[in-house]
Amino acid sequence: MRRGNNHIPTVVALVAVAVTLAAMTVEASAARPGRGWKSTRYGRKGAEISLEIPRVLYATGGGYSGDYDVTDDLGFGFGLMWGISDNIAFEGRMLQSNHTAGAEEREWDIDLIMIGARYTFFEAHRLQPFAGTGWAKMTLESDIGFVSEDSYERLIGYGAYVTIGIDYIHSGAWSGFFRADYTHGGYGYRITGGEENSPDEPLSGNCVSMTLGITYRVPTW
């Protein structure tokens, strides 16, 4: 049985922060020219790096069953965004969450690499909703610190993701955000010990995640 209800307080906290951000006024005054900003307002043109923590991942795909029946658990991530305008940006993210699965409670990691584009709304305000989509690589692997090398196992797959969220611009250098992702894809390649094979049918690796994060704008003069 999936043991996924032990992070309800964390989810409540994430939602509470998101609601607080949404309640803030979007009728903010124009930003002062600041370190790293291309304009006097809150435009997103340029480079930003981000840290995502805490991150909660829910494994929803049918492939997460039996030995792969992972619990819903926490993780973190890093990201890089390059805005080609105040609205349109490209992003790359590396994300990891830690889980246990099966009767033996083996430890597993779900790793995601996401590359895509996003669109920011209301770029002239502190509070900026956004939406995006892109390509995802998924990896489900046993923690080699928990099992022997002979029983090491890794599943690899590919898919796509969609994301929605909201940024709060705190200053010319720092901002915070809340975002939710849905990843759709399947694991079609398996490495067990030293052997490589493919499942008869790809194992569904769909998942949903929510995260808080902080962003630093790389200075550009």
N, C-alpha and C. Protein backbone atom coordinates (compact mmCIF):
# COMPACT_ATOMS: atom_id res chain seq x y z
N MET A 1 0.84 -1.19 0.00
CA MET A 1 0.00 0.00 0.00
C MET A 1 0.88 1.24 0.00
N ARG A 2 0.54 2.20 -0.79
CA ARG A 2 1.31 3.43 -0.89
C ARG A 2 1.16 4.23 0.39
N ARG A 3 2.28 4.72 0.89
CA ARG A 3 2.26 5.47 2.16
C ARG A 3 2.53 6.93 1.86
N GLY A 4 1.55 7.60 1.28
CA GLY A 4 1.81 8.92 0.76
C GLY A 4 1.22 10.07 1.53
N ASN A 5 0.66 9.87 2.72
CA ASN A 5 -0.03 10.93 3.44
C ASN A 5 0.80 11.52 4.57
N ASN A 6 2.10 11.22 4.63
CA ASN A 6 2.92 11.70 5.72
C ASN A 6 3.50 13.07 5.47
N HIS A 7 3.13 13.70 4.32
CA HIS A 7 3.66 15.03 4.03
C HIS A 7 2.54 16.05 3.88
N ILE A 8 1.38 15.76 4.49
CA ILE A 8 0.26 16.69 4.41
C ILE A 8 0.63 18.06 4.97
N PRO A 9 1.34 18.17 6.13
CA PRO A 9 1.72 19.50 6.62
C PRO A 9 2.57 20.28 5.62
N THR A 10 3.47 19.58 4.92
CA THR A 10 4.30 20.27 3.93
C THR A 10 3.46 20.80 2.79
N VAL A 11 2.52 19.98 2.31
CA VAL A 11 1.65 20.42 1.23
C VAL A 11 0.83 21.63 1.65
N VAL A 12 0.30 21.58 2.88
CA VAL A 12 -0.49 22.71 3.39
C VAL A 12 0.37 23.97 3.42
N ALA A 13 1.64 23.83 3.83
CA ALA A 13 2.53 24.99 3.88
C ALA A 13 2.78 25.55 2.49
N LEU A 14 2.99 24.67 1.52
CA LEU A 14 3.20 25.12 0.15
C LEU A 14 1.99 25.89 -0.38
N VAL A 15 0.80 25.35 -0.13
CA VAL A 15 -0.41 26.01 -0.60
C VAL A 15 -0.61 27.34 0.11
N ALA A 16 -0.29 27.39 1.41
CA ALA A 16 -0.45 28.63 2.17
C ALA A 16 0.45 29.73 1.62
N VAL A 17 1.68 29.36 1.28
CA VAL A 17 2.59 30.35 0.71
C VAL A 17 2.09 30.83 -0.65
N ALA A 18 1.58 29.90 -1.46
CA ALA A 18 1.06 30.27 -2.77
C ALA A 18 -0.11 31.22 -2.64
N VAL A 19 -1.01 30.94 -1.69
CA VAL A 19 -2.16 31.82 -1.48
C VAL A 19 -1.72 33.19 -1.01
N THR A 20 -0.69 33.23 -0.14
CA THR A 20 -0.18 34.51 0.33
C THR A 20 0.38 35.34 -0.80
N LEU A 21 1.14 34.68 -1.69
CA LEU A 21 1.68 35.39 -2.85
C LEU A 21 0.55 35.91 -3.74
N ALA A 22 -0.47 35.09 -3.93
CA ALA A 22 -1.57 35.49 -4.80
C ALA A 22 -2.35 36.66 -4.23
N ALA A 23 -2.33 36.81 -2.91
CA ALA A 23 -3.06 37.89 -2.26
C ALA A 23 -2.33 39.22 -2.31
N MET A 24 -1.04 39.18 -2.62
CA MET A 24 -0.27 40.43 -2.67
C MET A 24 -0.72 41.28 -3.84
N THR A 25 -0.62 42.57 -3.71
CA THR A 25 -1.06 43.47 -4.77
C THR A 25 -0.18 43.40 -5.98
N VAL A 26 -0.81 43.44 -7.16
CA VAL A 26 -0.07 43.49 -8.41
C VAL A 26 0.09 44.92 -8.89
N GLU A 27 -0.50 45.85 -8.12
CA GLU A 27 -0.38 47.26 -8.47
C GLU A 27 0.85 47.85 -7.80
N ALA A 28 2.00 47.20 -7.98
CA ALA A 28 3.23 47.66 -7.35
C ALA A 28 3.80 48.84 -8.13
N SER A 29 4.52 49.67 -7.45
CA SER A 29 5.18 50.78 -8.11
C SER A 29 6.36 50.27 -8.93
N ALA A 30 6.85 51.09 -9.86
CA ALA A 30 7.96 50.68 -10.71
C ALA A 30 9.19 50.42 -9.87
N ALA A 31 9.96 49.38 -10.26
CA ALA A 31 11.16 49.03 -9.52
C ALA A 31 12.27 50.04 -9.79
N ARG A 32 13.10 50.28 -8.79
CA ARG A 32 14.27 51.12 -9.00
C ARG A 32 15.28 50.34 -9.83
N PRO A 33 16.07 51.02 -10.65
CA PRO A 33 17.11 50.30 -11.39
C PRO A 33 17.99 49.53 -10.41
N GLY A 34 18.22 48.27 -10.66
CA GLY A 34 18.96 47.46 -9.70
C GLY A 34 19.98 46.58 -10.36
N ARG A 35 20.78 45.97 -9.56
CA ARG A 35 21.86 45.11 -10.01
C ARG A 35 21.29 43.96 -10.82
N GLY A 36 21.72 43.87 -12.07
CA GLY A 36 21.32 42.75 -12.89
C GLY A 36 20.11 42.99 -13.74
N TRP A 37 19.39 44.08 -13.57
CA TRP A 37 18.15 44.28 -14.31
C TRP A 37 18.39 45.07 -15.58
N LYS A 38 17.65 44.71 -16.63
CA LYS A 38 17.79 45.35 -17.92
C LYS A 38 16.95 46.63 -18.02
N SER A 39 15.96 46.79 -17.16
CA SER A 39 15.08 47.94 -17.24
C SER A 39 14.73 48.41 -15.84
N THR A 40 13.91 49.47 -15.76
CA THR A 40 13.54 50.00 -14.45
C THR A 40 12.34 49.29 -13.86
N ARG A 41 11.72 48.40 -14.64
CA ARG A 41 10.60 47.64 -14.10
C ARG A 41 11.03 46.22 -13.76
N TYR A 42 10.09 45.28 -13.83
CA TYR A 42 10.36 43.92 -13.38
C TYR A 42 10.54 42.95 -14.55
N GLY A 43 11.01 43.42 -15.66
CA GLY A 43 11.20 42.57 -16.82
C GLY A 43 12.15 41.42 -16.54
N ARG A 44 11.98 40.29 -17.27
CA ARG A 44 12.74 39.07 -16.99
C ARG A 44 13.80 38.78 -18.02
N LYS A 45 14.14 39.75 -18.84
CA LYS A 45 15.17 39.52 -19.84
C LYS A 45 16.52 39.36 -19.16
N GLY A 46 17.29 38.32 -19.54
CA GLY A 46 18.58 38.05 -18.93
C GLY A 46 18.63 36.68 -18.30
N ALA A 47 19.65 36.43 -17.47
CA ALA A 47 19.88 35.11 -16.89
C ALA A 47 19.51 35.08 -15.41
N GLU A 48 18.95 33.93 -14.99
CA GLU A 48 18.60 33.71 -13.59
C GLU A 48 18.95 32.27 -13.22
N ILE A 49 19.41 32.07 -11.98
CA ILE A 49 19.62 30.73 -11.45
C ILE A 49 18.69 30.53 -10.27
N SER A 50 18.26 29.28 -10.04
CA SER A 50 17.26 29.04 -9.01
C SER A 50 17.56 27.79 -8.21
N LEU A 51 17.06 27.78 -6.99
CA LEU A 51 17.10 26.63 -6.10
C LEU A 51 15.67 26.29 -5.72
N GLU A 52 15.29 25.02 -5.87
CA GLU A 52 13.94 24.57 -5.54
C GLU A 52 14.00 23.67 -4.31
N ILE A 53 13.45 24.14 -3.22
CA ILE A 53 13.41 23.35 -1.98
C ILE A 53 12.43 24.00 -1.00
N PRO A 54 11.51 23.26 -0.38
CA PRO A 54 11.29 21.82 -0.57
C PRO A 54 10.46 21.55 -1.82
N ARG A 55 10.59 20.33 -2.32
CA ARG A 55 9.84 19.88 -3.48
C ARG A 55 9.15 18.57 -3.12
N VAL A 56 7.84 18.50 -3.37
CA VAL A 56 7.06 17.30 -3.06
C VAL A 56 6.66 16.65 -4.37
N LEU A 57 6.96 15.36 -4.53
CA LEU A 57 6.63 14.64 -5.76
C LEU A 57 5.66 13.51 -5.48
N TYR A 58 4.61 13.42 -6.31
CA TYR A 58 3.60 12.37 -6.23
C TYR A 58 3.73 11.50 -7.47
N ALA A 59 4.09 10.23 -7.29
CA ALA A 59 4.23 9.30 -8.42
C ALA A 59 2.84 8.78 -8.78
N THR A 60 2.30 9.21 -9.92
CA THR A 60 0.93 8.87 -10.29
C THR A 60 0.84 7.83 -11.39
N GLY A 61 1.94 7.54 -12.08
CA GLY A 61 1.90 6.61 -13.21
C GLY A 61 1.67 5.17 -12.80
N GLY A 62 1.04 4.39 -13.69
CA GLY A 62 0.75 2.99 -13.41
C GLY A 62 2.00 2.13 -13.31
N GLY A 63 3.14 2.63 -13.81
CA GLY A 63 4.38 1.87 -13.71
C GLY A 63 4.95 1.81 -12.30
N TYR A 64 4.47 2.70 -11.44
CA TYR A 64 4.92 2.71 -10.05
C TYR A 64 4.08 1.72 -9.25
N SER A 65 4.38 0.45 -9.40
CA SER A 65 3.65 -0.61 -8.70
C SER A 65 4.62 -1.74 -8.39
N GLY A 66 4.22 -2.64 -7.50
CA GLY A 66 5.08 -3.75 -7.12
C GLY A 66 6.38 -3.26 -6.51
N ASP A 67 7.50 -3.69 -7.10
CA ASP A 67 8.82 -3.28 -6.58
C ASP A 67 9.06 -1.79 -6.77
N TYR A 68 8.30 -1.15 -7.64
CA TYR A 68 8.50 0.28 -7.92
C TYR A 68 7.39 1.14 -7.31
N ASP A 69 6.67 0.61 -6.33
CA ASP A 69 5.57 1.35 -5.70
C ASP A 69 6.15 2.37 -4.73
N VAL A 70 6.72 3.43 -5.27
CA VAL A 70 7.43 4.40 -4.45
C VAL A 70 6.47 5.26 -3.66
N THR A 71 6.91 5.67 -2.48
CA THR A 71 6.13 6.58 -1.65
C THR A 71 6.22 8.00 -2.21
N ASP A 72 5.25 8.83 -1.85
CA ASP A 72 5.34 10.25 -2.15
C ASP A 72 6.32 10.87 -1.18
N ASP A 73 7.29 11.62 -1.71
CA ASP A 73 8.33 12.10 -0.80
C ASP A 73 8.94 13.40 -1.29
N LEU A 74 9.96 13.85 -0.55
CA LEU A 74 10.54 15.18 -0.75
C LEU A 74 11.79 15.15 -1.61
N GLY A 75 12.14 16.32 -2.15
CA GLY A 75 13.34 16.44 -2.95
C GLY A 75 13.75 17.89 -3.10
N PHE A 76 14.61 18.15 -4.10
CA PHE A 76 15.13 19.49 -4.33
C PHE A 76 15.49 19.61 -5.81
N GLY A 77 15.91 20.79 -6.22
CA GLY A 77 16.29 20.97 -7.61
C GLY A 77 17.05 22.25 -7.85
N PHE A 78 17.68 22.33 -9.03
CA PHE A 78 18.40 23.52 -9.47
C PHE A 78 17.92 23.88 -10.87
N GLY A 79 17.99 25.17 -11.20
CA GLY A 79 17.54 25.58 -12.51
C GLY A 79 18.30 26.77 -13.05
N LEU A 80 18.24 26.93 -14.37
CA LEU A 80 18.83 28.07 -15.06
C LEU A 80 17.81 28.55 -16.08
N MET A 81 17.55 29.86 -16.08
CA MET A 81 16.59 30.44 -17.02
C MET A 81 17.26 31.57 -17.78
N TRP A 82 16.96 31.65 -19.10
CA TRP A 82 17.48 32.73 -19.91
C TRP A 82 16.30 33.40 -20.61
N GLY A 83 16.01 34.64 -20.23
CA GLY A 83 14.92 35.37 -20.82
C GLY A 83 15.36 36.10 -22.08
N ILE A 84 14.73 35.77 -23.20
CA ILE A 84 15.06 36.47 -24.44
C ILE A 84 14.22 37.74 -24.59
N SER A 85 13.20 37.86 -23.74
CA SER A 85 12.40 39.07 -23.66
C SER A 85 11.84 39.12 -22.25
N ASP A 86 11.02 40.14 -21.96
CA ASP A 86 10.43 40.23 -20.63
C ASP A 86 9.37 39.16 -20.39
N ASN A 87 8.90 38.52 -21.45
CA ASN A 87 7.86 37.50 -21.32
C ASN A 87 8.34 36.08 -21.62
N ILE A 88 9.18 35.92 -22.63
CA ILE A 88 9.54 34.59 -23.12
C ILE A 88 10.93 34.21 -22.62
N ALA A 89 11.04 32.98 -22.08
CA ALA A 89 12.32 32.51 -21.56
C ALA A 89 12.47 31.02 -21.81
N PHE A 90 13.71 30.58 -21.89
CA PHE A 90 14.04 29.16 -21.95
C PHE A 90 14.63 28.75 -20.61
N GLU A 91 14.36 27.50 -20.19
CA GLU A 91 14.83 27.05 -18.89
C GLU A 91 15.32 25.61 -18.94
N GLY A 92 16.25 25.31 -18.05
CA GLY A 92 16.72 23.95 -17.85
C GLY A 92 16.74 23.67 -16.35
N ARG A 93 16.26 22.50 -15.95
CA ARG A 93 16.16 22.17 -14.53
C ARG A 93 16.65 20.75 -14.29
N MET A 94 17.32 20.55 -13.15
CA MET A 94 17.73 19.23 -12.69
C MET A 94 17.09 19.01 -11.33
N LEU A 95 16.27 17.94 -11.21
CA LEU A 95 15.44 17.73 -10.03
C LEU A 95 15.63 16.32 -9.50
N GLN A 96 15.58 16.18 -8.17
CA GLN A 96 15.71 14.86 -7.56
C GLN A 96 14.79 14.76 -6.36
N SER A 97 14.20 13.58 -6.18
CA SER A 97 13.43 13.30 -4.97
C SER A 97 13.77 11.90 -4.49
N ASN A 98 13.68 11.69 -3.19
CA ASN A 98 14.07 10.42 -2.57
C ASN A 98 12.83 9.67 -2.09
N HIS A 99 12.81 8.34 -2.31
CA HIS A 99 11.63 7.55 -2.03
C HIS A 99 12.03 6.18 -1.48
N THR A 100 11.05 5.48 -0.93
CA THR A 100 11.22 4.06 -0.60
C THR A 100 10.12 3.29 -1.34
N ALA A 101 10.38 1.98 -1.58
CA ALA A 101 9.42 1.18 -2.35
C ALA A 101 9.50 -0.28 -1.94
N GLY A 102 8.37 -0.99 -2.10
CA GLY A 102 8.32 -2.43 -1.87
C GLY A 102 8.33 -2.81 -0.41
N ALA A 103 8.11 -4.10 -0.19
CA ALA A 103 8.05 -4.62 1.18
C ALA A 103 9.38 -4.46 1.90
N GLU A 104 10.49 -4.48 1.16
CA GLU A 104 11.80 -4.34 1.77
C GLU A 104 12.19 -2.87 1.97
N GLU A 105 11.31 -1.97 1.56
CA GLU A 105 11.54 -0.53 1.71
C GLU A 105 12.89 -0.11 1.12
N ARG A 106 13.14 -0.58 -0.09
CA ARG A 106 14.36 -0.17 -0.78
C ARG A 106 14.30 1.32 -1.07
N GLU A 107 15.45 1.94 -1.06
CA GLU A 107 15.53 3.37 -1.30
C GLU A 107 15.75 3.64 -2.79
N TRP A 108 14.97 4.59 -3.32
CA TRP A 108 15.02 4.94 -4.73
C TRP A 108 15.10 6.45 -4.89
N ASP A 109 15.66 6.87 -6.02
CA ASP A 109 15.66 8.28 -6.41
C ASP A 109 14.89 8.41 -7.72
N ILE A 110 14.09 9.46 -7.83
CA ILE A 110 13.50 9.84 -9.10
C ILE A 110 14.20 11.13 -9.54
N ASP A 111 14.93 11.05 -10.64
CA ASP A 111 15.68 12.19 -11.16
C ASP A 111 15.01 12.67 -12.45
N LEU A 112 14.86 13.97 -12.58
CA LEU A 112 14.25 14.55 -13.77
C LEU A 112 15.16 15.64 -14.34
N ILE A 113 15.33 15.62 -15.64
CA ILE A 113 15.97 16.72 -16.36
C ILE A 113 14.92 17.32 -17.28
N MET A 114 14.67 18.62 -17.13
CA MET A 114 13.64 19.28 -17.91
C MET A 114 14.25 20.43 -18.71
N ILE A 115 13.92 20.48 -19.98
CA ILE A 115 14.36 21.56 -20.86
C ILE A 115 13.14 22.07 -21.61
N GLY A 116 12.86 23.37 -21.49
CA GLY A 116 11.66 23.87 -22.14
C GLY A 116 11.62 25.39 -22.20
N ALA A 117 10.43 25.90 -22.44
CA ALA A 117 10.21 27.34 -22.55
C ALA A 117 9.03 27.73 -21.66
N ARG A 118 9.00 28.99 -21.27
CA ARG A 118 7.91 29.47 -20.43
C ARG A 118 7.54 30.90 -20.82
N TYR A 119 6.32 31.26 -20.48
CA TYR A 119 5.81 32.61 -20.77
C TYR A 119 5.38 33.25 -19.46
N THR A 120 5.86 34.47 -19.21
CA THR A 120 5.55 35.21 -18.00
C THR A 120 4.49 36.27 -18.28
N PHE A 121 3.46 36.31 -17.43
CA PHE A 121 2.39 37.29 -17.55
C PHE A 121 2.64 38.46 -16.59
N PHE A 122 2.08 39.62 -16.90
CA PHE A 122 2.16 40.80 -16.03
C PHE A 122 3.60 41.14 -15.66
N GLU A 123 4.47 41.21 -16.66
CA GLU A 123 5.90 41.42 -16.41
C GLU A 123 6.19 42.78 -15.79
N ALA A 124 5.23 43.69 -15.78
CA ALA A 124 5.45 45.02 -15.20
C ALA A 124 5.14 45.06 -13.71
N HIS A 125 4.79 43.93 -13.10
CA HIS A 125 4.40 43.89 -11.70
C HIS A 125 5.30 42.96 -10.90
N ARG A 126 5.25 43.11 -9.61
CA ARG A 126 6.02 42.22 -8.73
C ARG A 126 5.51 40.78 -8.81
N LEU A 127 4.21 40.61 -8.89
CA LEU A 127 3.59 39.29 -8.89
C LEU A 127 3.38 38.84 -10.33
N GLN A 128 4.06 37.75 -10.74
CA GLN A 128 4.08 37.37 -12.15
C GLN A 128 3.73 35.89 -12.33
N PRO A 129 2.49 35.58 -12.73
CA PRO A 129 2.16 34.18 -13.07
C PRO A 129 2.91 33.76 -14.33
N PHE A 130 3.14 32.45 -14.46
CA PHE A 130 3.80 31.94 -15.66
C PHE A 130 3.30 30.54 -15.99
N ALA A 131 3.52 30.13 -17.24
CA ALA A 131 3.18 28.79 -17.70
C ALA A 131 4.23 28.36 -18.70
N GLY A 132 4.46 27.04 -18.78
CA GLY A 132 5.48 26.57 -19.70
C GLY A 132 5.33 25.10 -20.03
N THR A 133 6.16 24.63 -20.95
CA THR A 133 6.14 23.23 -21.35
C THR A 133 7.51 22.87 -21.94
N GLY A 134 7.77 21.57 -22.07
CA GLY A 134 9.04 21.15 -22.63
C GLY A 134 9.26 19.65 -22.57
N TRP A 135 10.53 19.25 -22.77
CA TRP A 135 10.96 17.85 -22.83
C TRP A 135 11.51 17.42 -21.48
N ALA A 136 11.32 16.15 -21.15
CA ALA A 136 11.80 15.63 -19.86
C ALA A 136 12.49 14.28 -20.03
N LYS A 137 13.59 14.10 -19.32
CA LYS A 137 14.22 12.79 -19.17
C LYS A 137 13.99 12.33 -17.74
N MET A 138 13.53 11.08 -17.59
CA MET A 138 13.20 10.54 -16.27
C MET A 138 14.12 9.37 -15.95
N THR A 139 14.58 9.32 -14.70
CA THR A 139 15.40 8.20 -14.25
C THR A 139 14.90 7.76 -12.88
N LEU A 140 14.65 6.47 -12.74
CA LEU A 140 14.28 5.86 -11.47
C LEU A 140 15.38 4.87 -11.13
N GLU A 141 16.12 5.11 -10.05
CA GLU A 141 17.24 4.24 -9.74
C GLU A 141 17.32 3.95 -8.25
N SER A 142 17.75 2.72 -7.93
CA SER A 142 17.92 2.35 -6.54
C SER A 142 19.14 3.04 -5.96
N ASP A 143 19.08 3.37 -4.70
CA ASP A 143 20.16 4.05 -4.02
C ASP A 143 21.29 3.05 -3.77
N ILE A 144 22.44 3.26 -4.43
CA ILE A 144 23.54 2.29 -4.31
C ILE A 144 24.15 2.28 -2.92
N GLY A 145 23.83 3.26 -2.10
CA GLY A 145 24.29 3.24 -0.72
C GLY A 145 23.45 2.33 0.14
N PHE A 146 22.31 1.85 -0.41
CA PHE A 146 21.40 1.03 0.38
C PHE A 146 21.42 -0.43 -0.06
N VAL A 147 21.67 -0.69 -1.33
CA VAL A 147 21.68 -2.06 -1.84
C VAL A 147 23.07 -2.39 -2.35
N SER A 148 23.32 -3.68 -2.58
CA SER A 148 24.62 -4.10 -3.08
C SER A 148 24.76 -3.71 -4.54
N GLU A 149 25.98 -3.71 -5.03
CA GLU A 149 26.23 -3.33 -6.41
C GLU A 149 25.54 -4.29 -7.38
N ASP A 150 25.46 -5.58 -7.01
CA ASP A 150 24.85 -6.58 -7.88
C ASP A 150 23.36 -6.32 -8.09
N SER A 151 22.69 -5.73 -7.10
CA SER A 151 21.25 -5.53 -7.21
C SER A 151 20.89 -4.10 -7.62
N TYR A 152 21.89 -3.34 -8.01
CA TYR A 152 21.64 -1.98 -8.47
C TYR A 152 20.73 -2.00 -9.69
N GLU A 153 19.77 -1.10 -9.73
CA GLU A 153 18.81 -1.08 -10.82
C GLU A 153 18.49 0.36 -11.21
N ARG A 154 18.36 0.58 -12.52
CA ARG A 154 18.03 1.92 -13.03
C ARG A 154 17.06 1.77 -14.19
N LEU A 155 16.02 2.60 -14.17
CA LEU A 155 15.08 2.68 -15.28
C LEU A 155 15.20 4.08 -15.89
N ILE A 156 15.17 4.15 -17.22
CA ILE A 156 15.34 5.41 -17.93
C ILE A 156 14.19 5.60 -18.91
N GLY A 157 13.66 6.80 -18.98
CA GLY A 157 12.57 7.09 -19.91
C GLY A 157 12.54 8.55 -20.30
N TYR A 158 11.64 8.86 -21.23
CA TYR A 158 11.53 10.22 -21.75
C TYR A 158 10.06 10.61 -21.84
N GLY A 159 9.83 11.90 -21.83
CA GLY A 159 8.46 12.38 -21.91
C GLY A 159 8.41 13.89 -22.06
N ALA A 160 7.33 14.47 -21.61
CA ALA A 160 7.12 15.92 -21.70
C ALA A 160 6.55 16.42 -20.37
N TYR A 161 6.64 17.71 -20.17
CA TYR A 161 6.10 18.29 -18.94
C TYR A 161 5.37 19.59 -19.24
N VAL A 162 4.46 19.93 -18.35
CA VAL A 162 3.83 21.25 -18.35
C VAL A 162 3.99 21.81 -16.95
N THR A 163 4.08 23.13 -16.86
CA THR A 163 4.30 23.76 -15.57
C THR A 163 3.50 25.05 -15.47
N ILE A 164 3.03 25.36 -14.28
CA ILE A 164 2.40 26.64 -13.99
C ILE A 164 2.94 27.11 -12.65
N GLY A 165 2.97 28.41 -12.45
CA GLY A 165 3.47 28.92 -11.18
C GLY A 165 3.31 30.42 -11.08
N ILE A 166 3.93 30.95 -10.05
CA ILE A 166 3.86 32.39 -9.83
C ILE A 166 5.16 32.85 -9.17
N ASP A 167 5.73 33.92 -9.70
CA ASP A 167 6.95 34.52 -9.16
C ASP A 167 6.60 35.76 -8.37
N TYR A 168 7.36 36.01 -7.31
CA TYR A 168 7.26 37.27 -6.58
C TYR A 168 8.62 37.94 -6.62
N ILE A 169 8.70 39.10 -7.29
CA ILE A 169 9.96 39.82 -7.44
C ILE A 169 10.22 40.63 -6.18
N HIS A 170 11.22 40.21 -5.41
CA HIS A 170 11.52 40.89 -4.15
C HIS A 170 12.41 42.11 -4.37
N SER A 171 13.41 41.97 -5.22
CA SER A 171 14.35 43.06 -5.47
C SER A 171 14.96 42.87 -6.84
N GLY A 172 15.91 43.74 -7.19
CA GLY A 172 16.57 43.62 -8.47
C GLY A 172 17.41 42.37 -8.62
N ALA A 173 17.74 41.70 -7.52
CA ALA A 173 18.57 40.49 -7.58
C ALA A 173 17.82 39.23 -7.17
N TRP A 174 16.81 39.33 -6.29
CA TRP A 174 16.21 38.15 -5.70
C TRP A 174 14.71 38.08 -5.97
N SER A 175 14.22 36.88 -6.15
CA SER A 175 12.79 36.65 -6.25
C SER A 175 12.49 35.27 -5.69
N GLY A 176 11.22 35.04 -5.35
CA GLY A 176 10.77 33.74 -4.87
C GLY A 176 9.66 33.23 -5.76
N PHE A 177 9.36 31.92 -5.70
CA PHE A 177 8.31 31.39 -6.55
C PHE A 177 7.68 30.13 -5.96
N PHE A 178 6.49 29.87 -6.45
CA PHE A 178 5.79 28.60 -6.23
C PHE A 178 5.43 28.06 -7.61
N ARG A 179 5.65 26.76 -7.83
CA ARG A 179 5.29 26.19 -9.12
C ARG A 179 4.85 24.74 -8.96
N ALA A 180 4.04 24.29 -9.90
CA ALA A 180 3.57 22.90 -9.95
C ALA A 180 3.86 22.35 -11.34
N ASP A 181 4.32 21.10 -11.40
CA ASP A 181 4.67 20.45 -12.66
C ASP A 181 3.86 19.15 -12.83
N TYR A 182 3.55 18.85 -14.07
CA TYR A 182 3.03 17.52 -14.41
C TYR A 182 3.92 16.94 -15.50
N THR A 183 4.49 15.77 -15.24
CA THR A 183 5.38 15.10 -16.19
C THR A 183 4.70 13.85 -16.70
N HIS A 184 4.67 13.68 -18.03
CA HIS A 184 4.03 12.53 -18.66
C HIS A 184 5.08 11.79 -19.50
N GLY A 185 5.27 10.51 -19.21
CA GLY A 185 6.25 9.74 -19.96
C GLY A 185 6.32 8.31 -19.47
N GLY A 186 7.21 7.53 -20.06
CA GLY A 186 7.34 6.13 -19.68
C GLY A 186 8.78 5.67 -19.63
N TYR A 187 9.06 4.73 -18.74
CA TYR A 187 10.39 4.13 -18.63
C TYR A 187 10.49 2.97 -19.63
N GLY A 188 11.34 3.13 -20.63
CA GLY A 188 11.45 2.11 -21.67
C GLY A 188 12.77 1.38 -21.70
N TYR A 189 13.65 1.67 -20.73
CA TYR A 189 14.99 1.08 -20.73
C TYR A 189 15.39 0.77 -19.29
N ARG A 190 15.93 -0.43 -19.07
CA ARG A 190 16.27 -0.88 -17.71
C ARG A 190 17.69 -1.42 -17.66
N ILE A 191 18.41 -1.05 -16.60
CA ILE A 191 19.73 -1.60 -16.31
C ILE A 191 19.65 -2.28 -14.95
N THR A 192 19.91 -3.60 -14.92
CA THR A 192 19.86 -4.36 -13.68
C THR A 192 21.20 -5.05 -13.48
N GLY A 193 21.93 -4.65 -12.42
CA GLY A 193 23.28 -5.16 -12.26
C GLY A 193 24.11 -4.74 -13.46
N GLY A 194 24.68 -5.69 -14.17
CA GLY A 194 25.44 -5.36 -15.36
C GLY A 194 24.70 -5.64 -16.66
N GLU A 195 23.40 -5.96 -16.56
CA GLU A 195 22.62 -6.31 -17.74
C GLU A 195 21.70 -5.17 -18.15
N GLU A 196 21.52 -5.04 -19.47
CA GLU A 196 20.64 -4.02 -20.01
C GLU A 196 19.51 -4.67 -20.78
N ASN A 197 18.29 -4.18 -20.58
CA ASN A 197 17.14 -4.73 -21.29
C ASN A 197 16.05 -3.69 -21.34
N SER A 198 14.98 -4.02 -22.06
CA SER A 198 13.84 -3.12 -22.18
C SER A 198 12.58 -3.85 -21.75
N PRO A 199 11.70 -3.20 -20.99
CA PRO A 199 10.42 -3.83 -20.64
C PRO A 199 9.60 -4.09 -21.90
N ASP A 200 8.70 -5.07 -21.84
CA ASP A 200 7.84 -5.35 -22.99
C ASP A 200 7.02 -4.12 -23.35
N GLU A 201 6.55 -3.42 -22.35
CA GLU A 201 5.82 -2.18 -22.54
C GLU A 201 6.45 -1.13 -21.63
N PRO A 202 6.60 0.12 -22.10
CA PRO A 202 7.15 1.16 -21.22
C PRO A 202 6.32 1.28 -19.94
N LEU A 203 7.01 1.46 -18.83
CA LEU A 203 6.35 1.62 -17.54
C LEU A 203 5.99 3.09 -17.35
N SER A 204 4.73 3.37 -17.12
CA SER A 204 4.27 4.75 -16.99
C SER A 204 4.96 5.44 -15.81
N GLY A 205 5.62 6.55 -16.10
CA GLY A 205 6.33 7.29 -15.06
C GLY A 205 5.72 8.66 -14.79
N ASN A 206 4.43 8.81 -15.04
CA ASN A 206 3.78 10.09 -14.82
C ASN A 206 3.93 10.52 -13.36
N CYS A 207 4.10 11.82 -13.14
CA CYS A 207 4.22 12.32 -11.78
C CYS A 207 3.80 13.78 -11.70
N VAL A 208 3.40 14.19 -10.51
CA VAL A 208 3.00 15.56 -10.22
C VAL A 208 3.88 16.06 -9.10
N SER A 209 4.32 17.30 -9.17
CA SER A 209 5.15 17.85 -8.10
C SER A 209 4.78 19.30 -7.83
N MET A 210 5.06 19.74 -6.60
CA MET A 210 4.90 21.13 -6.19
C MET A 210 6.17 21.56 -5.48
N THR A 211 6.55 22.80 -5.67
CA THR A 211 7.81 23.24 -5.08
C THR A 211 7.78 24.72 -4.75
N LEU A 212 8.56 25.09 -3.75
CA LEU A 212 8.90 26.48 -3.47
C LEU A 212 10.33 26.70 -3.95
N GLY A 213 10.69 27.94 -4.23
CA GLY A 213 12.04 28.19 -4.68
C GLY A 213 12.45 29.63 -4.54
N ILE A 214 13.73 29.85 -4.76
CA ILE A 214 14.31 31.19 -4.71
C ILE A 214 15.18 31.35 -5.95
N THR A 215 15.17 32.57 -6.50
CA THR A 215 15.88 32.84 -7.74
C THR A 215 16.84 34.02 -7.57
N TYR A 216 18.02 33.91 -8.16
CA TYR A 216 19.00 34.99 -8.15
C TYR A 216 19.27 35.42 -9.58
N ARG A 217 19.15 36.70 -9.83
CA ARG A 217 19.41 37.23 -11.16
C ARG A 217 20.90 37.49 -11.32
N VAL A 218 21.47 36.87 -12.37
CA VAL A 218 22.89 37.03 -12.63
C VAL A 218 23.14 38.46 -13.07
N PRO A 219 24.07 39.16 -12.43
CA PRO A 219 24.33 40.57 -12.78
C PRO A 219 24.75 40.72 -14.24
N THR A 220 24.17 41.71 -14.92
CA THR A 220 24.55 42.05 -16.28
C THR A 220 24.65 43.55 -16.37
N TRP A 221 25.82 44.04 -16.69
CA TRP A 221 26.04 45.49 -16.79
C TRP A 221 26.28 45.88 -18.24
